[in-house]
N, C-alpha and C. Protein backbone atom coordinates (compact mmCIF):
# COMPACT_ATOMS: atom_id res chain seq x y z
N GLN A 1 64.34 86.82 46.24
CA GLN A 1 63.18 88.61 46.36
C GLN A 1 62.73 88.12 44.91
N VAL A 2 61.17 88.24 45.19
CA VAL A 2 60.31 87.96 44.10
C VAL A 2 60.34 89.10 43.50
N GLN A 3 60.04 88.75 42.06
CA GLN A 3 59.67 89.98 41.25
C GLN A 3 58.53 89.71 40.52
N LEU A 4 57.47 90.54 40.41
CA LEU A 4 56.18 90.66 39.47
C LEU A 4 56.41 91.34 38.73
N ALA A 5 55.69 90.94 37.24
CA ALA A 5 55.71 92.20 36.05
C ALA A 5 54.75 91.77 35.25
N GLU A 6 53.85 92.80 35.39
CA GLU A 6 52.40 92.84 34.83
C GLU A 6 53.07 93.27 32.85
N SER A 7 51.81 93.18 32.69
CA SER A 7 51.73 93.59 31.12
C SER A 7 50.11 92.85 30.53
N GLY A 8 50.09 93.83 29.21
CA GLY A 8 48.37 93.22 28.37
C GLY A 8 47.79 94.14 28.92
N GLY A 9 47.81 95.41 29.23
CA GLY A 9 46.99 96.69 29.26
C GLY A 9 47.04 97.26 28.41
N GLY A 10 45.99 97.99 28.14
CA GLY A 10 45.86 98.56 27.06
C GLY A 10 44.51 99.80 27.00
N LEU A 11 44.22 100.37 25.92
CA LEU A 11 42.67 100.96 25.57
C LEU A 11 41.76 99.94 24.89
N VAL A 12 41.00 99.83 25.71
CA VAL A 12 39.70 99.03 24.74
C VAL A 12 38.32 99.51 25.14
N GLN A 13 37.47 99.30 23.98
CA GLN A 13 36.14 100.39 24.39
C GLN A 13 35.75 99.15 25.16
N ALA A 14 34.43 99.94 24.99
CA ALA A 14 33.33 98.78 26.08
C ALA A 14 32.59 97.75 25.43
N GLY A 15 32.74 96.70 26.72
CA GLY A 15 31.67 95.65 25.72
C GLY A 15 33.23 94.56 25.56
N GLY A 16 34.89 94.71 25.37
CA GLY A 16 35.42 94.69 24.92
C GLY A 16 36.71 93.85 25.81
N SER A 17 37.41 92.90 25.13
CA SER A 17 38.41 91.86 26.09
C SER A 17 39.52 92.73 26.42
N LEU A 18 40.40 92.26 27.05
CA LEU A 18 41.83 92.58 27.43
C LEU A 18 42.15 90.83 28.69
N ARG A 19 43.58 90.38 28.23
CA ARG A 19 44.09 89.50 29.25
C ARG A 19 45.54 89.94 29.58
N LEU A 20 45.26 90.19 30.80
CA LEU A 20 46.51 90.66 31.58
C LEU A 20 47.47 89.36 31.92
N SER A 21 49.03 89.78 32.02
CA SER A 21 50.07 88.52 32.61
C SER A 21 50.56 88.76 33.67
N CYS A 22 50.98 88.19 34.60
CA CYS A 22 51.76 88.34 35.65
C CYS A 22 52.85 87.64 35.89
N ALA A 23 53.91 87.91 34.55
CA ALA A 23 55.03 86.57 35.10
C ALA A 23 56.16 87.23 36.36
N ALA A 24 56.46 85.58 36.92
CA ALA A 24 57.24 86.01 38.17
C ALA A 24 57.82 85.20 38.23
N SER A 25 58.82 86.17 38.79
CA SER A 25 60.68 85.29 39.09
C SER A 25 61.16 85.46 39.97
N GLY A 26 62.11 84.50 40.43
CA GLY A 26 62.62 84.84 41.80
C GLY A 26 61.76 83.83 42.63
N HIS A 27 60.93 83.37 42.48
CA HIS A 27 60.08 81.91 43.03
C HIS A 27 59.23 81.16 42.41
N THR A 28 58.49 80.03 42.32
CA THR A 28 57.73 80.06 41.58
C THR A 28 56.16 80.12 41.94
N PHE A 29 55.61 80.90 41.68
CA PHE A 29 54.14 81.16 42.41
C PHE A 29 53.45 80.27 42.84
N SER A 30 53.72 78.86 42.15
CA SER A 30 52.50 77.60 43.10
C SER A 30 52.67 78.03 44.62
N SER A 31 54.22 78.82 45.35
CA SER A 31 54.03 78.48 46.71
C SER A 31 53.60 79.72 47.35
N TYR A 32 52.90 80.94 46.84
CA TYR A 32 52.51 81.55 47.10
C TYR A 32 50.54 81.90 46.62
N ALA A 33 50.27 82.58 47.82
CA ALA A 33 48.72 83.35 47.12
C ALA A 33 48.96 84.59 46.06
N MET A 34 48.03 84.38 45.36
CA MET A 34 48.05 85.32 44.18
C MET A 34 46.93 86.71 43.97
N GLY A 35 47.27 87.58 43.76
CA GLY A 35 46.38 88.52 44.06
C GLY A 35 46.28 89.56 42.54
N TRP A 36 45.05 89.59 42.05
CA TRP A 36 44.85 91.18 41.66
C TRP A 36 44.15 92.30 42.03
N PHE A 37 44.59 93.30 41.88
CA PHE A 37 44.24 94.86 42.18
C PHE A 37 44.47 95.65 40.88
N ARG A 38 43.06 96.74 41.58
CA ARG A 38 43.21 97.83 40.87
C ARG A 38 43.18 99.26 41.66
N GLN A 39 43.65 99.65 40.73
CA GLN A 39 43.63 101.47 41.59
C GLN A 39 43.50 102.29 40.41
N ALA A 40 42.05 103.08 40.77
CA ALA A 40 41.66 104.15 39.98
C ALA A 40 42.20 105.72 40.23
N PRO A 41 42.00 106.62 39.16
CA PRO A 41 42.71 107.78 39.90
C PRO A 41 41.74 108.24 41.04
N GLY A 42 42.24 108.72 41.90
CA GLY A 42 41.85 109.51 42.96
C GLY A 42 41.09 108.82 44.26
N LYS A 43 41.05 107.17 43.66
CA LYS A 43 40.67 105.93 44.20
C LYS A 43 41.31 105.36 45.79
N GLU A 44 41.06 104.27 45.67
CA GLU A 44 42.16 103.73 47.54
C GLU A 44 42.30 102.29 45.95
N ARG A 45 43.22 101.46 46.50
CA ARG A 45 43.52 100.49 45.92
C ARG A 45 42.70 98.76 45.85
N GLU A 46 41.92 98.86 44.91
CA GLU A 46 40.88 97.79 45.27
C GLU A 46 41.24 96.65 44.54
N PHE A 47 40.49 94.95 45.69
CA PHE A 47 40.98 93.83 45.31
C PHE A 47 39.92 93.54 44.27
N VAL A 48 40.85 92.78 43.23
CA VAL A 48 40.05 92.34 41.87
C VAL A 48 39.89 90.68 42.04
N ALA A 49 40.73 90.13 42.40
CA ALA A 49 40.64 88.48 42.04
C ALA A 49 41.99 87.96 42.43
N GLY A 50 41.62 86.56 42.76
CA GLY A 50 42.75 85.89 43.47
C GLY A 50 43.09 84.78 43.42
N ILE A 51 43.90 83.75 43.12
CA ILE A 51 44.45 82.34 43.56
C ILE A 51 44.96 82.10 44.78
N SER A 52 44.19 81.24 45.73
CA SER A 52 44.56 80.84 46.56
C SER A 52 45.57 79.67 46.62
N TRP A 53 46.80 79.22 47.19
CA TRP A 53 47.59 78.53 47.34
C TRP A 53 47.05 76.92 48.29
N GLY A 54 47.62 76.15 47.04
CA GLY A 54 47.19 74.79 47.51
C GLY A 54 46.41 74.31 46.91
N ALA A 55 45.16 75.13 47.28
CA ALA A 55 43.72 74.42 46.77
C ALA A 55 43.60 75.22 45.39
N GLY A 56 44.22 76.00 45.19
CA GLY A 56 43.75 76.78 43.56
C GLY A 56 42.49 77.06 43.73
N ASN A 57 42.12 77.30 44.54
CA ASN A 57 40.58 78.07 44.53
C ASN A 57 40.70 79.82 44.08
N ARG A 58 39.74 80.02 42.86
CA ARG A 58 39.81 81.35 42.59
C ARG A 58 38.59 81.84 43.30
N TYR A 59 38.70 83.34 43.80
CA TYR A 59 37.98 84.14 44.27
C TYR A 59 37.85 85.77 43.79
N TYR A 60 36.78 86.22 43.65
CA TYR A 60 36.34 87.66 42.65
C TYR A 60 35.97 88.49 43.52
N ALA A 61 36.50 89.80 43.52
CA ALA A 61 35.25 90.88 43.60
C ALA A 61 34.14 90.76 43.27
N GLY A 62 32.99 91.18 43.88
CA GLY A 62 31.13 90.63 43.62
C GLY A 62 31.12 92.55 41.95
N SER A 63 32.13 92.96 42.36
CA SER A 63 31.65 93.97 40.84
C SER A 63 32.18 93.55 39.43
N VAL A 64 33.23 92.24 39.47
CA VAL A 64 33.82 91.68 38.50
C VAL A 64 33.60 90.18 38.13
N LYS A 65 32.46 89.61 39.10
CA LYS A 65 32.69 88.53 38.57
C LYS A 65 31.64 88.00 38.09
N GLY A 66 31.80 86.86 37.11
CA GLY A 66 30.97 86.87 35.90
C GLY A 66 31.84 87.48 34.71
N ARG A 67 32.65 88.16 34.88
CA ARG A 67 33.51 88.82 33.57
C ARG A 67 35.16 88.68 33.26
N PHE A 68 35.63 88.80 35.28
CA PHE A 68 36.99 88.18 34.92
C PHE A 68 37.16 86.56 35.19
N THR A 69 38.52 86.54 35.22
CA THR A 69 38.51 84.68 35.33
C THR A 69 39.95 85.13 35.24
N CYS A 70 40.34 84.73 36.53
CA CYS A 70 41.87 84.19 37.12
C CYS A 70 42.49 82.83 36.93
N SER A 71 43.47 82.97 36.62
CA SER A 71 44.50 81.57 36.30
C SER A 71 45.67 81.34 36.27
N GLY A 72 46.12 80.21 36.19
CA GLY A 72 47.27 80.49 36.13
C GLY A 72 48.48 79.44 35.66
N ASP A 73 49.78 79.32 35.43
CA ASP A 73 50.17 78.41 34.68
C ASP A 73 51.75 78.26 34.70
N ASN A 74 51.74 76.82 35.22
CA ASN A 74 52.77 76.92 36.41
C ASN A 74 54.05 76.66 35.67
N ASP A 75 53.70 76.36 34.61
CA ASP A 75 55.34 75.79 33.70
C ASP A 75 56.01 77.41 33.35
N LYS A 76 55.17 78.22 33.43
CA LYS A 76 55.46 79.53 32.80
C LYS A 76 55.47 80.63 33.88
N ASN A 77 54.94 79.71 35.14
CA ASN A 77 55.49 81.10 36.37
C ASN A 77 54.56 82.27 35.88
N THR A 78 53.30 82.39 35.43
CA THR A 78 52.28 83.42 35.41
C THR A 78 51.29 83.22 35.36
N VAL A 79 50.56 83.99 36.14
CA VAL A 79 49.07 84.19 36.16
C VAL A 79 48.52 84.87 35.84
N TYR A 80 47.12 85.22 35.12
CA TYR A 80 46.50 85.60 33.91
C TYR A 80 45.17 86.13 34.75
N LEU A 81 44.63 86.99 33.98
CA LEU A 81 43.66 87.85 34.51
C LEU A 81 42.87 88.02 32.94
N GLN A 82 41.58 87.34 32.91
CA GLN A 82 40.93 87.45 31.51
C GLN A 82 39.23 88.30 31.76
N MET A 83 39.48 89.33 31.29
CA MET A 83 38.73 90.58 31.25
C MET A 83 38.19 90.79 30.35
N ASN A 84 36.23 90.32 30.40
CA ASN A 84 35.83 90.10 29.23
C ASN A 84 34.61 91.31 30.17
N SER A 85 33.80 91.30 28.58
CA SER A 85 33.01 92.38 28.81
C SER A 85 32.96 93.80 29.65
N LEU A 86 34.04 94.25 29.65
CA LEU A 86 34.79 95.36 30.23
C LEU A 86 33.92 96.78 30.19
N ARG A 87 33.94 97.47 31.06
CA ARG A 87 33.08 98.57 31.37
C ARG A 87 34.26 99.88 31.71
N PRO A 88 33.63 101.51 31.33
CA PRO A 88 34.54 102.54 31.54
C PRO A 88 35.06 102.39 33.18
N GLU A 89 34.06 101.90 34.09
CA GLU A 89 34.07 101.80 35.32
C GLU A 89 35.12 100.74 35.95
N ASP A 90 36.13 100.29 34.84
CA ASP A 90 37.33 99.19 34.76
C ASP A 90 38.73 99.54 34.75
N THR A 91 38.42 101.13 34.55
CA THR A 91 39.43 101.67 33.91
C THR A 91 40.42 101.80 35.52
N ALA A 92 41.83 101.58 35.33
CA ALA A 92 42.56 101.70 36.51
C ALA A 92 43.80 101.20 36.10
N VAL A 93 44.75 101.43 36.90
CA VAL A 93 46.00 100.98 36.75
C VAL A 93 45.75 99.43 37.49
N TYR A 94 46.42 98.12 37.18
CA TYR A 94 45.92 96.82 37.82
C TYR A 94 47.49 96.28 38.16
N TYR A 95 47.66 95.87 38.85
CA TYR A 95 48.70 95.25 40.11
C TYR A 95 48.23 93.75 40.61
N CYS A 96 49.23 93.08 40.12
CA CYS A 96 49.41 91.53 40.69
C CYS A 96 50.34 91.93 41.84
N ALA A 97 50.10 90.64 43.12
CA ALA A 97 50.61 91.04 43.82
C ALA A 97 50.87 89.54 44.84
N ALA A 98 51.59 89.25 45.44
CA ALA A 98 51.89 87.70 45.92
C ALA A 98 52.23 87.60 47.99
N VAL A 99 51.43 86.56 47.87
CA VAL A 99 51.49 86.40 49.63
C VAL A 99 52.40 85.39 49.83
N ALA A 100 53.76 86.09 50.90
CA ALA A 100 54.92 84.33 50.56
C ALA A 100 54.40 83.44 51.34
N ARG A 101 53.73 83.80 52.33
CA ARG A 101 53.45 82.69 53.32
C ARG A 101 52.13 82.46 53.87
N PRO A 102 51.10 82.01 52.66
CA PRO A 102 50.03 81.52 53.12
C PRO A 102 49.60 81.09 53.85
N ASN A 103 48.17 81.00 54.03
CA ASN A 103 47.93 79.29 54.93
C ASN A 103 46.64 78.61 53.57
N TYR A 104 46.80 77.47 53.95
CA TYR A 104 45.97 76.77 52.73
C TYR A 104 45.05 77.20 52.51
N SER A 105 44.82 77.27 51.16
CA SER A 105 43.34 77.86 50.78
C SER A 105 42.78 78.75 51.08
N ALA A 106 43.36 79.50 52.62
CA ALA A 106 43.05 81.32 52.27
C ALA A 106 42.77 81.55 51.01
N TYR A 107 41.97 82.93 51.23
CA TYR A 107 41.88 83.89 50.44
C TYR A 107 41.88 85.32 51.25
N TYR A 108 42.87 86.32 50.10
CA TYR A 108 43.37 87.50 50.57
C TYR A 108 42.54 88.73 49.67
N THR A 109 42.36 89.35 50.64
CA THR A 109 41.85 90.47 49.64
C THR A 109 41.80 91.86 50.19
N GLN A 110 43.03 91.92 51.08
CA GLN A 110 43.26 93.32 51.89
C GLN A 110 44.53 93.38 51.42
N THR A 111 45.40 94.72 50.79
CA THR A 111 46.63 95.00 50.43
C THR A 111 47.74 94.34 51.51
N GLN A 112 47.21 94.75 52.54
CA GLN A 112 48.27 94.43 53.68
C GLN A 112 48.97 93.15 53.94
N SER A 113 47.91 92.37 53.24
CA SER A 113 48.24 91.10 53.60
C SER A 113 49.50 90.67 52.36
N TYR A 114 49.91 91.43 51.27
CA TYR A 114 50.51 90.85 50.25
C TYR A 114 51.54 91.60 50.71
N ASP A 115 52.86 90.62 50.09
CA ASP A 115 54.61 90.93 50.46
C ASP A 115 55.09 91.37 49.21
N TYR A 116 54.74 91.08 47.82
CA TYR A 116 55.30 91.39 46.68
C TYR A 116 54.35 92.28 46.10
N TRP A 117 54.75 93.33 45.27
CA TRP A 117 53.77 94.07 44.07
C TRP A 117 54.46 94.12 42.91
N GLY A 118 53.51 93.87 41.83
CA GLY A 118 54.22 94.39 40.55
C GLY A 118 54.31 96.33 40.56
N GLN A 119 54.69 96.50 39.23
CA GLN A 119 54.40 98.02 38.53
C GLN A 119 53.47 98.50 38.39
N GLY A 120 52.49 97.44 37.64
CA GLY A 120 51.16 97.60 37.50
C GLY A 120 50.93 98.00 35.72
N THR A 121 49.50 97.66 35.16
CA THR A 121 49.61 97.78 33.97
C THR A 121 48.52 98.86 33.74
N GLN A 122 48.34 99.95 32.73
CA GLN A 122 47.05 100.48 32.69
C GLN A 122 45.87 99.73 32.06
N VAL A 123 44.65 99.96 32.13
CA VAL A 123 43.76 99.52 31.72
C VAL A 123 42.95 100.84 31.18
N THR A 124 42.55 100.97 30.45
CA THR A 124 41.65 102.38 29.91
C THR A 124 40.66 101.50 29.08
N VAL A 125 39.38 101.78 29.63
CA VAL A 125 38.35 101.21 28.48
C VAL A 125 37.31 102.60 28.02
N SER A 126 36.74 102.51 27.40
CA SER A 126 36.34 104.06 26.14
C SER A 126 34.79 103.05 26.31
N SER A 127 33.90 104.38 26.41
CA SER A 127 32.61 104.08 26.30
C SER A 127 32.25 104.50 25.27
């Protein structure tokens, strides 16, 4: 059983930065495709960023491309989401997720593709 635990959320002013962490236990995350999602109040959960299994390709939603960077540390079994130039519209609960049997180099942007989810961490950006 894989367990994912996010941390690093908080309150930041517009233009500021935060780094979210997602620690995986129960299995090495390098065998999975990993993703970051977010959900704002009253809205559906949406894809933010991801890392494919195998090739380790990164891919991003258009709204965060150029501002957010997704990376992973195999030794720490942790995935990160570096968020720069934050905007009030980035305010949401952020979740990390894992695809248990991914295709090589495939990327997954739909919530139903993911098998495991963390509990989420709140990010609030003030204007």
